[in-house]
């Protein structure tokens, strides 16, 4: 039982790390049509995430791999039930990666406009759909005792699911604006800062609305009522949101970005802790709930995987910390002359 609990929270942690790292990429790609005034500023925005975006997506592969290896029943049910949404996310991510590489291959405004739209779509679609998917996880899906999903893509687009999509989108927009505030200078930097200030108010309003809707649409609060100490997570989340604004006002943009990362992690774990031990609750039959205990692999598999994680995850983290340190400076117009730039 301890192994299943450990892997349940490792599963949640990997998703949180993915949302933190790739979240600012989604935010930048979504903001690009609105913040950039010319092609130079678009390239500055792309190069602000250029050295990191593909490495950030490693955490998505890790989260998916852990779902497959540690909780195969969850993986099978999730990918069959949410097949259309997950394939749309996959195609959007592929399209974004292709667009980033192809955009600068031809000196043509029309060519770049096509790929700019692909970057925008490949950023906003996953941001919203991940939120829709996780909100439906929290709410429960119409799954019977045989793991058969009685719904379709449009069933996921209910009011609570769409609200989750909006929450994720604004979390990532704020995260991306803060990253641009760190990595850019001049007029683009000033616009990024103003955008981060403005988005903060919308984000807080959406987050409060989502918390309220969660009370009526889900049973996430049951674990919190049973263990009131867990409400400390909600307080930490609230403090993280306030810190984002506080450090923005003080122009401590890097600290504000870390506060935003903490807020994303807390939002993720708010749902994960509320779900426990469920991983994919059924909205039609409580006996059909997929939990950390009835969906897990064998204890031997979980032990072997835990050993692998203890060895290799610190190596991956060390590599990413080194990469972020290596490219910690601001992106300037001089950097755009490099052959490696976007």
Protein backbone atom coordinates (compact mmCIF):
# COMPACT_ATOMS: atom_id res chain seq x y z
CA UNK A 1 0.00 0.00 0.00
CA UNK A 2 2.86 2.38 0.78
CA UNK A 3 4.24 1.87 -2.74
CA UNK A 4 0.92 2.76 -4.34
CA UNK A 5 0.64 5.91 -2.20
CA UNK A 6 4.22 6.89 -3.05
CA UNK A 7 3.63 6.45 -6.76
CA UNK A 8 0.32 8.28 -6.60
CA UNK A 9 2.07 11.40 -5.35
CA UNK A 10 5.03 10.93 -7.69
CA UNK A 11 2.49 10.79 -10.53
CA UNK A 12 1.03 14.09 -9.37
CA UNK A 13 4.48 15.61 -8.92
CA UNK A 14 5.53 14.80 -12.48
CA UNK A 15 2.40 16.48 -13.83
CA UNK A 16 3.07 19.52 -11.64
CA UNK A 17 6.67 19.77 -12.89
CA UNK A 18 5.46 19.52 -16.49
CA UNK A 19 2.91 22.29 -15.97
CA UNK A 20 5.56 24.50 -14.33
CA UNK A 21 8.20 24.02 -17.00
CA UNK A 22 6.19 23.78 -20.22
CA UNK A 23 3.56 26.13 -18.87
CA UNK A 24 5.57 29.26 -19.60
CA UNK A 25 6.15 27.97 -23.15
CA UNK A 26 2.41 27.67 -23.66
CA UNK A 27 1.99 31.15 -22.22
CA UNK A 28 4.59 32.72 -24.50
CA UNK A 29 3.21 31.03 -27.61
CA UNK A 30 -0.30 32.22 -26.76
CA UNK A 31 0.84 35.78 -25.99
CA UNK A 32 3.00 36.16 -29.10
CA UNK A 33 0.30 37.54 -31.47
CA UNK A 34 -0.71 40.11 -28.85
CA UNK A 35 2.62 41.25 -27.35
CA UNK A 36 4.97 41.25 -30.35
CA UNK A 37 4.72 44.33 -32.59
CA UNK A 38 7.07 43.11 -35.32
CA UNK A 39 9.01 40.04 -36.46
CA UNK A 40 12.05 40.94 -34.36
CA UNK A 41 9.98 40.93 -31.19
CA UNK A 42 8.37 37.62 -32.20
CA UNK A 43 11.82 36.12 -32.57
CA UNK A 44 12.85 37.52 -29.19
CA UNK A 45 9.84 35.82 -27.61
CA UNK A 46 10.58 32.52 -29.33
CA UNK A 47 14.22 32.62 -28.31
CA UNK A 48 13.23 33.36 -24.72
CA UNK A 49 11.90 29.79 -24.60
CA UNK A 50 14.04 28.38 -27.43
CA UNK A 51 16.69 26.54 -25.37
CA UNK A 52 14.13 25.07 -22.98
CA UNK A 53 10.85 24.07 -24.62
CA UNK A 54 11.86 20.63 -25.91
CA UNK A 55 13.58 19.74 -22.63
CA UNK A 56 10.48 20.84 -20.74
CA UNK A 57 8.37 18.34 -22.65
CA UNK A 58 10.49 15.51 -21.23
CA UNK A 59 8.31 15.81 -18.12
CA UNK A 60 5.20 15.08 -20.19
CA UNK A 61 6.83 11.90 -21.45
CA UNK A 62 7.82 11.05 -17.88
CA UNK A 63 4.28 11.63 -16.58
CA UNK A 64 2.81 9.54 -19.39
CA UNK A 65 5.41 6.82 -18.89
CA UNK A 66 4.72 6.64 -15.16
CA UNK A 67 1.00 6.39 -15.85
CA UNK A 68 1.66 3.49 -18.25
CA UNK A 69 4.11 1.60 -16.03
CA UNK A 70 2.80 2.29 -12.53
CA UNK A 71 -0.94 2.50 -13.22
CA UNK A 72 -1.65 0.55 -16.43
CA UNK A 73 -5.40 0.30 -15.81
CA UNK A 74 -5.59 4.08 -15.45
CA UNK A 75 -3.51 4.49 -18.62
CA UNK A 76 -5.77 2.16 -20.62
CA UNK A 77 -8.98 3.79 -19.41
CA UNK A 78 -7.68 7.34 -19.69
CA UNK A 79 -6.35 6.96 -23.23
CA UNK A 80 -9.48 5.22 -24.44
CA UNK A 81 -11.89 7.61 -22.69
CA UNK A 82 -10.01 10.80 -23.54
CA UNK A 83 -8.62 9.57 -26.85
CA UNK A 84 -9.87 12.49 -28.97
CA UNK A 85 -8.74 15.16 -26.49
CA UNK A 86 -5.33 13.57 -25.92
CA UNK A 87 -4.71 13.09 -29.64
CA UNK A 88 -5.61 16.73 -30.23
CA UNK A 89 -3.09 17.72 -27.56
CA UNK A 90 -0.46 15.50 -29.17
CA UNK A 91 -1.04 16.89 -32.67
CA UNK A 92 -0.96 20.45 -31.31
CA UNK A 93 2.37 19.82 -29.57
CA UNK A 94 3.81 18.26 -32.74
CA UNK A 95 2.55 21.20 -34.79
CA UNK A 96 4.13 23.67 -32.38
CA UNK A 97 7.50 21.92 -32.52
CA UNK A 98 7.46 21.79 -36.32
CA UNK A 99 6.43 25.46 -36.50
CA UNK A 100 9.28 26.56 -34.25
CA UNK A 101 11.80 24.83 -36.50
CA UNK A 102 10.26 25.76 -39.87
CA UNK A 103 9.27 29.35 -39.20
CA UNK A 104 12.63 30.89 -40.07
CA UNK A 105 13.47 28.64 -43.04
CA UNK A 106 11.94 30.93 -45.68
CA UNK A 107 12.18 34.73 -45.87
CA UNK A 108 8.50 35.28 -46.54
CA UNK A 109 5.94 37.15 -44.39
CA UNK A 110 3.16 34.81 -45.52
CA UNK A 111 5.25 31.74 -44.64
CA UNK A 112 5.95 33.09 -41.17
CA UNK A 113 2.33 34.06 -40.58
CA UNK A 114 1.22 30.48 -41.21
CA UNK A 115 3.75 29.10 -38.74
CA UNK A 116 2.99 31.87 -36.24
CA UNK A 117 -0.62 30.70 -36.19
CA UNK A 118 0.58 27.12 -35.70
CA UNK A 119 2.69 28.21 -32.72
CA UNK A 120 -0.31 30.03 -31.27
CA UNK A 121 -2.66 27.08 -31.79
CA UNK A 122 -0.03 24.60 -30.60
CA UNK A 123 0.25 26.58 -27.37
CA UNK A 124 -3.32 27.58 -26.54
CA UNK A 125 -4.93 24.22 -27.40
CA UNK A 126 -2.82 22.07 -25.02
CA UNK A 127 -3.10 24.70 -22.27
CA UNK A 128 -6.90 24.65 -22.42
CA UNK A 129 -7.29 20.92 -23.06
CA UNK A 130 -5.05 19.89 -20.17
CA UNK A 131 -7.22 22.02 -17.92
CA UNK A 132 -10.41 20.51 -19.37
CA UNK A 133 -9.03 16.99 -18.90
CA UNK A 134 -7.94 17.46 -15.30
CA UNK A 135 -11.16 19.26 -14.34
CA UNK A 136 -13.09 16.27 -15.69
CA UNK A 137 -10.82 13.97 -13.69
CA UNK A 138 -11.80 15.92 -10.59
CA UNK A 139 -15.50 15.89 -11.52
CA UNK A 140 -15.59 12.26 -12.59
CA UNK A 141 -16.18 10.62 -15.95
CA UNK A 142 -19.11 8.40 -17.01
CA UNK A 143 -17.15 5.13 -16.83
CA UNK A 144 -18.81 1.80 -16.06
CA UNK A 145 -17.40 -1.18 -14.16
CA UNK A 146 -15.79 -2.48 -17.38
CA UNK A 147 -13.87 0.76 -17.90
CA UNK A 148 -16.07 1.75 -20.86
CA UNK A 149 -16.50 5.50 -21.31
CA UNK A 150 -20.09 6.54 -22.02
CA UNK A 151 -19.46 9.92 -23.59
CA UNK A 152 -17.54 11.75 -26.29
CA UNK A 153 -15.26 14.76 -26.72
CA UNK A 154 -18.16 17.16 -26.31
CA UNK A 155 -19.11 15.52 -23.01
CA UNK A 156 -15.84 16.87 -21.64
CA UNK A 157 -16.75 20.42 -22.65
CA UNK A 158 -19.12 20.91 -19.73
CA UNK A 159 -19.14 24.11 -17.71
CA UNK A 160 -16.74 22.88 -15.03
CA UNK A 161 -14.38 21.35 -17.58
CA UNK A 162 -14.25 24.58 -19.58
CA UNK A 163 -13.65 26.55 -16.39
CA UNK A 164 -10.68 24.28 -15.68
CA UNK A 165 -9.40 24.99 -19.18
CA UNK A 166 -9.68 28.74 -18.61
CA UNK A 167 -7.86 28.42 -15.27
CA UNK A 168 -4.97 26.51 -16.81
CA UNK A 169 -4.77 28.97 -19.69
CA UNK A 170 -4.48 31.99 -17.39
CA UNK A 171 -2.02 30.20 -15.10
CA UNK A 172 0.23 29.63 -18.11
CA UNK A 173 -0.33 33.12 -19.55
CA UNK A 174 0.79 34.67 -16.27
CA UNK A 175 3.73 32.25 -16.08
CA UNK A 176 4.77 33.09 -19.65
CA UNK A 177 4.46 36.86 -19.16
CA UNK A 178 6.70 36.63 -16.08
CA UNK A 179 9.29 34.62 -18.03
CA UNK A 180 9.29 37.28 -20.75
CA UNK A 181 9.76 39.94 -18.07
CA UNK A 182 12.87 38.03 -16.99
CA UNK A 183 14.30 37.32 -20.44
CA UNK A 184 13.56 40.49 -22.45
CA UNK A 185 14.39 44.17 -22.29
CA UNK A 186 13.15 47.47 -23.67
CA UNK A 187 9.60 47.95 -24.96
CA UNK A 188 8.84 44.23 -25.11
CA UNK A 189 9.90 43.86 -21.48
CA UNK A 190 7.63 46.73 -20.42
CA UNK A 191 4.66 45.23 -22.26
CA UNK A 192 5.33 41.85 -20.65
CA UNK A 193 5.36 43.43 -17.20
CA UNK A 194 2.12 45.33 -17.82
CA UNK A 195 0.53 42.16 -19.18
CA UNK A 196 1.60 40.17 -16.11
CA UNK A 197 0.04 42.83 -13.86
CA UNK A 198 -3.23 42.78 -15.79
CA UNK A 199 -3.44 39.00 -16.12
CA UNK A 200 -2.95 38.57 -12.37
CA UNK A 201 -6.36 40.05 -11.56
CA UNK A 202 -8.13 37.82 -14.09
CA UNK A 203 -6.21 34.76 -12.88
CA UNK A 204 -7.17 35.34 -9.24
CA UNK A 205 -10.83 35.84 -10.19
CA UNK A 206 -10.86 32.63 -12.27
CA UNK A 207 -9.06 30.68 -9.51
CA UNK A 208 -11.61 31.79 -6.89
CA UNK A 209 -14.47 30.90 -9.25
CA UNK A 210 -12.93 27.48 -9.87
CA UNK A 211 -12.53 26.83 -6.13
CA UNK A 212 -16.18 27.74 -5.61
CA UNK A 213 -17.37 25.59 -8.51
CA UNK A 214 -15.27 22.69 -7.21
CA UNK A 215 -17.34 22.69 -4.03
CA UNK A 216 -20.52 21.99 -6.01
CA UNK A 217 -19.21 19.94 -8.95
CA UNK A 218 -16.78 17.55 -7.24
CA UNK A 219 -16.03 15.77 -3.99
CA UNK A 220 -12.47 17.05 -3.77
CA UNK A 221 -13.17 18.85 -0.51
CA UNK A 222 -14.09 15.61 1.30
CA UNK A 223 -10.44 14.80 2.04
CA UNK A 224 -9.87 18.37 3.25
CA UNK A 225 -12.85 18.28 5.61
CA UNK A 226 -11.70 14.90 6.93
CA UNK A 227 -8.15 16.28 7.47
CA UNK A 228 -8.40 20.07 8.02
CA UNK A 229 -4.61 20.38 8.16
CA UNK A 230 -4.69 19.90 4.37
CA UNK A 231 -6.24 23.36 4.06
CA UNK A 232 -2.70 24.63 4.65
CA UNK A 233 -2.10 23.80 0.98
CA UNK A 234 -4.90 26.19 0.00
CA UNK A 235 -3.34 28.89 2.21
CA UNK A 236 0.08 28.31 0.62
CA UNK A 237 -1.55 28.56 -2.80
CA UNK A 238 -3.20 31.84 -1.82
CA UNK A 239 0.12 33.15 -0.48
CA UNK A 240 1.84 32.17 -3.74
CA UNK A 241 -0.70 34.15 -5.79
CA UNK A 242 -0.23 37.19 -3.52
CA UNK A 243 3.55 36.87 -3.77
CA UNK A 244 3.36 36.97 -7.57
CA UNK A 245 1.77 40.42 -7.38
CA UNK A 246 4.02 41.57 -4.54
CA UNK A 247 7.23 40.69 -6.34
CA UNK A 248 5.91 42.10 -9.60
CA UNK A 249 5.38 45.44 -7.89
CA UNK A 250 8.92 45.24 -6.48
CA UNK A 251 10.24 44.31 -9.97
CA UNK A 252 11.67 41.05 -8.61
CA UNK A 253 10.60 39.17 -11.70
CA UNK A 254 12.56 35.97 -11.13
CA UNK A 255 11.10 35.59 -7.63
CA UNK A 256 7.63 36.36 -9.03
CA UNK A 257 8.13 33.57 -11.58
CA UNK A 258 9.06 31.13 -8.81
CA UNK A 259 5.97 32.19 -6.89
CA UNK A 260 3.94 31.50 -10.04
CA UNK A 261 5.58 28.06 -10.27
CA UNK A 262 4.60 27.40 -6.65
CA UNK A 263 1.02 28.46 -7.41
CA UNK A 264 0.85 26.03 -10.36
CA UNK A 265 2.23 23.20 -8.19
CA UNK A 266 -0.28 23.96 -5.43
CA UNK A 267 -3.18 24.08 -7.90
CA UNK A 268 -2.14 20.68 -9.24
CA UNK A 269 -1.78 19.11 -5.81
CA UNK A 270 -5.02 20.66 -4.61
CA UNK A 271 -6.75 18.37 -7.08
CA UNK A 272 -4.45 15.39 -6.58
CA UNK A 273 -4.87 15.40 -2.79
CA UNK A 274 -8.61 15.90 -3.13
CA UNK A 275 -8.84 12.90 -5.47
CA UNK A 276 -6.87 10.46 -3.30
CA UNK A 277 -7.14 7.51 -3.42
CA UNK A 278 -9.12 7.94 -6.63
CA UNK A 279 -7.27 8.68 -9.83
CA UNK A 280 -10.20 8.57 -12.24
CA UNK A 281 -13.53 8.58 -10.39
CA UNK A 282 -16.66 7.36 -12.12
CA UNK A 283 -19.64 9.69 -12.20
CA UNK A 284 -22.11 6.85 -12.79
CA UNK A 285 -20.95 4.02 -10.52
CA UNK A 286 -18.90 4.43 -7.35
CA UNK A 287 -17.79 0.80 -7.64
CA UNK A 288 -16.10 1.69 -10.95
CA UNK A 289 -13.72 4.27 -9.46
CA UNK A 290 -10.14 3.77 -10.65
CA UNK A 291 -7.89 4.22 -7.64
CA UNK A 292 -4.20 4.11 -6.81
CA UNK A 293 -4.78 0.65 -5.35
CA UNK A 294 -6.86 -1.12 -7.99
CA UNK A 295 -5.00 0.39 -10.97
CA UNK A 296 -1.38 -0.13 -9.93
CA UNK A 297 1.22 -2.54 -11.24
CA UNK A 298 2.70 -5.30 -9.11
CA UNK A 299 4.75 -4.37 -6.02
CA UNK A 300 7.92 -5.66 -7.73
CA UNK A 301 7.35 -3.39 -10.72
CA UNK A 302 6.76 -0.40 -8.44
CA UNK A 303 9.94 -1.17 -6.47
CA UNK A 304 12.07 -1.43 -9.61
CA UNK A 305 10.59 1.79 -10.99
CA UNK A 306 11.19 3.59 -7.71
CA UNK A 307 14.86 2.61 -7.85
CA UNK A 308 15.12 3.93 -11.40
CA UNK A 309 13.42 7.18 -10.44
CA UNK A 310 15.68 7.74 -7.43
CA UNK A 311 18.74 7.35 -9.68
CA UNK A 312 17.73 9.12 -12.89
CA UNK A 313 15.33 11.92 -11.92
CA UNK A 314 18.07 13.80 -10.01
CA UNK A 315 20.26 13.49 -13.11
CA UNK A 316 17.53 14.97 -15.31
CA UNK A 317 16.91 17.75 -12.78
CA UNK A 318 20.64 18.53 -12.61
CA UNK A 319 20.82 18.73 -16.40
CA UNK A 320 17.85 21.07 -16.58
CA UNK A 321 19.22 23.30 -13.82
CA UNK A 322 22.50 23.47 -15.75
CA UNK A 323 20.66 24.35 -18.98
CA UNK A 324 18.65 27.11 -17.30
CA UNK A 325 21.84 28.45 -15.74
CA UNK A 326 23.69 28.34 -19.08
CA UNK A 327 20.98 30.41 -20.81
CA UNK A 328 20.11 32.62 -17.84
CA UNK A 329 20.87 35.93 -19.56
CA UNK A 330 18.41 38.17 -21.36
CA UNK A 331 17.69 37.58 -25.04
CA UNK A 332 18.93 40.52 -27.14
CA UNK A 333 18.81 41.44 -30.81
CA UNK A 334 22.46 40.44 -31.09
CA UNK A 335 21.46 36.88 -30.17
CA UNK A 336 19.14 36.73 -33.18
CA UNK A 337 22.15 36.82 -35.50
CA UNK A 338 23.23 33.39 -34.30
CA UNK A 339 22.57 30.45 -36.61
CA UNK A 340 21.03 28.56 -33.65
CA UNK A 341 18.40 31.23 -33.02
CA UNK A 342 14.77 30.92 -34.08
